[in-house]
Amino acid sequence: MNLICPACGTTNRVPDDRLSDQPICGRCKGALMAAQPVDLDDDRLPGFIAGTELPVVVDFWADWCAPCKLMAPHFATVAAQLPQVRFVKVDTEANPAASARSQIRSIPTLILYQGGRETARQSGALTAGDLLRWVQVQLARPN
């Protein structure tokens, strides 16, 4: 399984049966499978999505957005519940190129990527239960 290090962007090969062993990056020693969202920027987001073989859920948000702030703890809760899915946060104000590439029109917007391509999108804040169900339903759908 290929995993991109969220800290340095290095591709790491991890055997599937070792994903739950808290693997670390061979280059920077950062956690590859932390059960929490990671912040990515304009430069690191495309490579992370393209190179990570696990599903990736990206939360496009902004600091001034009240619904975004309300959803943040729910996003972190679901990240801890689904360790085989990578959870990413992208600040739309600080990363306008990532937002433009993903055609973000409103926030918060969640995008699920599988195999490097977008497979589902959801706009609006969700509770932890709703977010968990949304991810599980999307992952169960054939691509």
C-alpha atoms as a PDB file:
ATOM      1  CA  MET A   1       0.000   0.000   0.000  1.00  0.00           C
ATOM      2  CA  ASN A   2       1.376   3.405  -0.953  1.00  0.00           C
ATOM      3  CA  LEU A   3       0.927   6.167   1.606  1.00  0.00           C
ATOM      4  CA  ILE A   4       2.047   9.739   1.167  1.00  0.00           C
ATOM      5  CA  CYS A   5       3.550  11.338   4.247  1.00  0.00           C
ATOM      6  CA  PRO A   6       1.433  14.386   5.121  1.00  0.00           C
ATOM      7  CA  ALA A   7       4.468  16.089   6.661  1.00  0.00           C
ATOM      8  CA  CYS A   8       7.068  15.790   3.890  1.00  0.00           C
ATOM      9  CA  GLY A   9       5.214  14.363   0.874  1.00  0.00           C
ATOM     10  CA  THR A  10       7.380  11.246   0.541  1.00  0.00           C
ATOM     11  CA  THR A  11       5.794   8.090  -0.854  1.00  0.00           C
ATOM     12  CA  ASN A  12       6.040   5.210   1.612  1.00  0.00           C
ATOM     13  CA  ARG A  13       5.256   1.572   0.847  1.00  0.00           C
ATOM     14  CA  VAL A  14       3.546  -0.122   3.800  1.00  0.00           C
ATOM     15  CA  PRO A  15       2.340  -3.738   3.729  1.00  0.00           C
ATOM     16  CA  ASP A  16      -1.450  -3.897   4.071  1.00  0.00           C
ATOM     17  CA  ASP A  17      -1.208  -6.035   7.191  1.00  0.00           C
ATOM     18  CA  ARG A  18       1.023  -3.417   8.879  1.00  0.00           C
ATOM     19  CA  LEU A  19      -1.245  -0.390   8.445  1.00  0.00           C
ATOM     20  CA  SER A  20      -2.514  -0.663  12.030  1.00  0.00           C
ATOM     21  CA  ASP A  21       1.062  -0.821  13.416  1.00  0.00           C
ATOM     22  CA  GLN A  22       1.423   2.985  13.471  1.00  0.00           C
ATOM     23  CA  PRO A  23       3.810   3.202  10.497  1.00  0.00           C
ATOM     24  CA  ILE A  24       6.123   6.186  10.219  1.00  0.00           C
ATOM     25  CA  CYS A  25       7.660   7.920   7.222  1.00  0.00           C
ATOM     26  CA  GLY A  26      11.006   6.514   6.169  1.00  0.00           C
ATOM     27  CA  ARG A  27      12.281  10.022   5.481  1.00  0.00           C
ATOM     28  CA  CYS A  28      10.991  12.381   8.199  1.00  0.00           C
ATOM     29  CA  LYS A  29       9.678   9.831  10.741  1.00  0.00           C
ATOM     30  CA  GLY A  30       6.235  11.502  10.769  1.00  0.00           C
ATOM     31  CA  ALA A  31       3.127   9.408  11.453  1.00  0.00           C
ATOM     32  CA  LEU A  32       1.569   7.977   8.282  1.00  0.00           C
ATOM     33  CA  MET A  33      -1.661   6.651   9.811  1.00  0.00           C
ATOM     34  CA  ALA A  34      -2.487   9.108  12.595  1.00  0.00           C
ATOM     35  CA  ALA A  35      -6.155   8.753  13.499  1.00  0.00           C
ATOM     36  CA  GLN A  36      -6.718  12.492  13.210  1.00  0.00           C
ATOM     37  CA  PRO A  37      -7.133  15.001  10.399  1.00  0.00           C
ATOM     38  CA  VAL A  38      -4.012  16.489   8.840  1.00  0.00           C
ATOM     39  CA  ASP A  39      -3.710  20.011   7.463  1.00  0.00           C
ATOM     40  CA  LEU A  40      -2.496  20.215   3.879  1.00  0.00           C
ATOM     41  CA  ASP A  41      -1.763  23.155   1.619  1.00  0.00           C
ATOM     42  CA  ASP A  42      -1.946  24.037  -2.081  1.00  0.00           C
ATOM     43  CA  ASP A  43       1.358  22.299  -2.802  1.00  0.00           C
ATOM     44  CA  ARG A  44       0.937  19.051  -0.853  1.00  0.00           C
ATOM     45  CA  LEU A  45      -2.752  18.281  -1.439  1.00  0.00           C
ATOM     46  CA  PRO A  46      -2.591  17.062  -5.080  1.00  0.00           C
ATOM     47  CA  GLY A  47       0.281  14.651  -4.435  1.00  0.00           C
ATOM     48  CA  PHE A  48      -1.323  13.361  -1.252  1.00  0.00           C
ATOM     49  CA  ILE A  49      -4.601  12.592  -3.037  1.00  0.00           C
ATOM     50  CA  ALA A  50      -2.922  11.078  -6.096  1.00  0.00           C
ATOM     51  CA  GLY A  51      -0.397   8.972  -4.213  1.00  0.00           C
ATOM     52  CA  THR A  52      -2.391   7.687  -1.238  1.00  0.00           C
ATOM     53  CA  GLU A  53      -4.061   4.378  -2.033  1.00  0.00           C
ATOM     54  CA  LEU A  54      -6.491   4.663   0.882  1.00  0.00           C
ATOM     55  CA  PRO A  55      -9.656   6.758   0.533  1.00  0.00           C
ATOM     56  CA  VAL A  56      -9.119  10.442   1.377  1.00  0.00           C
ATOM     57  CA  VAL A  57     -11.821  12.755   2.769  1.00  0.00           C
ATOM     58  CA  VAL A  58     -10.983  16.447   2.420  1.00  0.00           C
ATOM     59  CA  ASP A  59     -12.749  19.148   4.434  1.00  0.00           C
ATOM     60  CA  PHE A  60     -12.528  22.521   2.709  1.00  0.00           C
ATOM     61  CA  TRP A  61     -13.129  25.128   5.414  1.00  0.00           C
ATOM     62  CA  ALA A  62     -12.278  28.668   6.569  1.00  0.00           C
ATOM     63  CA  ASP A  63     -11.605  30.168   9.979  1.00  0.00           C
ATOM     64  CA  TRP A  64     -14.381  32.754   9.627  1.00  0.00           C
ATOM     65  CA  CYS A  65     -17.010  30.085   8.808  1.00  0.00           C
ATOM     66  CA  ALA A  66     -19.151  29.237  11.867  1.00  0.00           C
ATOM     67  CA  PRO A  67     -20.528  25.955  10.411  1.00  0.00           C
ATOM     68  CA  CYS A  68     -16.945  24.920   9.576  1.00  0.00           C
ATOM     69  CA  LYS A  69     -15.870  25.501  13.161  1.00  0.00           C
ATOM     70  CA  LEU A  70     -18.897  23.604  14.485  1.00  0.00           C
ATOM     71  CA  MET A  71     -18.140  20.626  12.242  1.00  0.00           C
ATOM     72  CA  ALA A  72     -14.395  20.445  13.050  1.00  0.00           C
ATOM     73  CA  PRO A  73     -14.712  18.312  16.225  1.00  0.00           C
ATOM     74  CA  HIS A  74     -17.132  15.975  14.416  1.00  0.00           C
ATOM     75  CA  PHE A  75     -14.620  15.594  11.565  1.00  0.00           C
ATOM     76  CA  ALA A  76     -11.900  14.703  14.093  1.00  0.00           C
ATOM     77  CA  THR A  77     -14.195  12.197  15.820  1.00  0.00           C
ATOM     78  CA  VAL A  78     -14.915  10.374  12.571  1.00  0.00           C
ATOM     79  CA  ALA A  79     -11.221  10.410  11.638  1.00  0.00           C
ATOM     80  CA  ALA A  80     -10.539   8.499  14.849  1.00  0.00           C
ATOM     81  CA  GLN A  81     -13.347   6.024  14.072  1.00  0.00           C
ATOM     82  CA  LEU A  82     -12.208   5.275  10.502  1.00  0.00           C
ATOM     83  CA  PRO A  83      -8.449   4.688  10.645  1.00  0.00           C
ATOM     84  CA  GLN A  84      -8.396   3.168   7.122  1.00  0.00           C
ATOM     85  CA  VAL A  85      -9.528   6.488   5.645  1.00  0.00           C
ATOM     86  CA  ARG A  86      -7.238   9.518   5.541  1.00  0.00           C
ATOM     87  CA  PHE A  87      -8.872  12.770   6.743  1.00  0.00           C
ATOM     88  CA  VAL A  88      -7.508  16.092   5.495  1.00  0.00           C
ATOM     89  CA  LYS A  89      -8.383  19.715   6.220  1.00  0.00           C
ATOM     90  CA  VAL A  90      -7.697  22.508   3.717  1.00  0.00           C
ATOM     91  CA  ASP A  91      -8.103  26.139   4.760  1.00  0.00           C
ATOM     92  CA  THR A  92      -9.676  27.761   1.697  1.00  0.00           C
ATOM     93  CA  GLU A  93      -8.449  31.242   2.625  1.00  0.00           C
ATOM     94  CA  ALA A  94      -4.814  30.186   2.928  1.00  0.00           C
ATOM     95  CA  ASN A  95      -4.966  27.763  -0.028  1.00  0.00           C
ATOM     96  CA  PRO A  96      -6.924  29.330  -2.871  1.00  0.00           C
ATOM     97  CA  ALA A  97      -5.321  27.151  -5.565  1.00  0.00           C
ATOM     98  CA  ALA A  98      -6.529  23.932  -3.924  1.00  0.00           C
ATOM     99  CA  SER A  99      -9.993  25.431  -3.579  1.00  0.00           C
ATOM    100  CA  ALA A 100     -10.040  26.541  -7.207  1.00  0.00           C
ATOM    101  CA  ARG A 101      -8.803  23.156  -8.495  1.00  0.00           C
ATOM    102  CA  SER A 102     -11.580  21.457  -6.549  1.00  0.00           C
ATOM    103  CA  GLN A 103     -14.172  24.021  -7.657  1.00  0.00           C
ATOM    104  CA  ILE A 104     -15.240  24.840  -4.105  1.00  0.00           C
ATOM    105  CA  ARG A 105     -18.308  27.091  -4.225  1.00  0.00           C
ATOM    106  CA  SER A 106     -19.405  26.939  -0.581  1.00  0.00           C
ATOM    107  CA  ILE A 107     -17.935  25.833   2.703  1.00  0.00           C
ATOM    108  CA  PRO A 108     -17.736  23.558   4.436  1.00  0.00           C
ATOM    109  CA  THR A 109     -17.463  21.148   1.520  1.00  0.00           C
ATOM    110  CA  LEU A 110     -16.332  17.559   1.902  1.00  0.00           C
ATOM    111  CA  ILE A 111     -14.859  15.617  -1.007  1.00  0.00           C
ATOM    112  CA  LEU A 112     -14.121  11.899  -0.978  1.00  0.00           C
ATOM    113  CA  TYR A 113     -11.269  10.789  -3.228  1.00  0.00           C
ATOM    114  CA  GLN A 114     -10.610   7.173  -4.127  1.00  0.00           C
ATOM    115  CA  GLY A 115      -7.804   6.109  -6.406  1.00  0.00           C
ATOM    116  CA  GLY A 116      -6.824   9.745  -6.842  1.00  0.00           C
ATOM    117  CA  ARG A 117     -10.172  10.894  -8.207  1.00  0.00           C
ATOM    118  CA  GLU A 118     -13.238  12.517  -6.699  1.00  0.00           C
ATOM    119  CA  THR A 119     -16.032  10.019  -6.057  1.00  0.00           C
ATOM    120  CA  ALA A 120     -18.398  12.022  -3.822  1.00  0.00           C
ATOM    121  CA  ARG A 121     -19.037  15.555  -2.601  1.00  0.00           C
ATOM    122  CA  GLN A 122     -21.107  16.975   0.259  1.00  0.00           C
ATOM    123  CA  SER A 123     -21.643  20.636   1.108  1.00  0.00           C
ATOM    124  CA  GLY A 124     -22.768  21.825   4.521  1.00  0.00           C
ATOM    125  CA  ALA A 125     -21.867  20.944   8.080  1.00  0.00           C
ATOM    126  CA  LEU A 126     -22.520  17.412   9.327  1.00  0.00           C
ATOM    127  CA  THR A 127     -22.632  15.854  12.769  1.00  0.00           C
ATOM    128  CA  ALA A 128     -20.269  12.982  13.517  1.00  0.00           C
ATOM    129  CA  GLY A 129     -23.047  10.429  12.971  1.00  0.00           C
ATOM    130  CA  ASP A 130     -24.101  11.947   9.657  1.00  0.00           C
ATOM    131  CA  LEU A 131     -20.507  12.241   8.466  1.00  0.00           C
ATOM    132  CA  LEU A 132     -19.738   8.646   9.447  1.00  0.00           C
ATOM    133  CA  ARG A 133     -22.817   7.399   7.565  1.00  0.00           C
ATOM    134  CA  TRP A 134     -21.982   9.539   4.517  1.00  0.00           C
ATOM    135  CA  VAL A 135     -18.434   8.161   4.290  1.00  0.00           C
ATOM    136  CA  GLN A 136     -19.559   4.566   4.837  1.00  0.00           C
ATOM    137  CA  VAL A 137     -22.310   4.816   2.200  1.00  0.00           C
ATOM    138  CA  GLN A 138     -19.915   6.363  -0.327  1.00  0.00           C
ATOM    139  CA  LEU A 139     -17.249   3.731   0.308  1.00  0.00           C
ATOM    140  CA  ALA A 140     -19.819   0.951  -0.162  1.00  0.00           C
ATOM    141  CA  ARG A 141     -20.815   2.235  -3.602  1.00  0.00           C
ATOM    142  CA  PRO A 142     -19.154   0.710  -6.641  1.00  0.00           C
ATOM    143  CA  ASN A 143     -16.847   3.187  -8.394  1.00  0.00           C
END
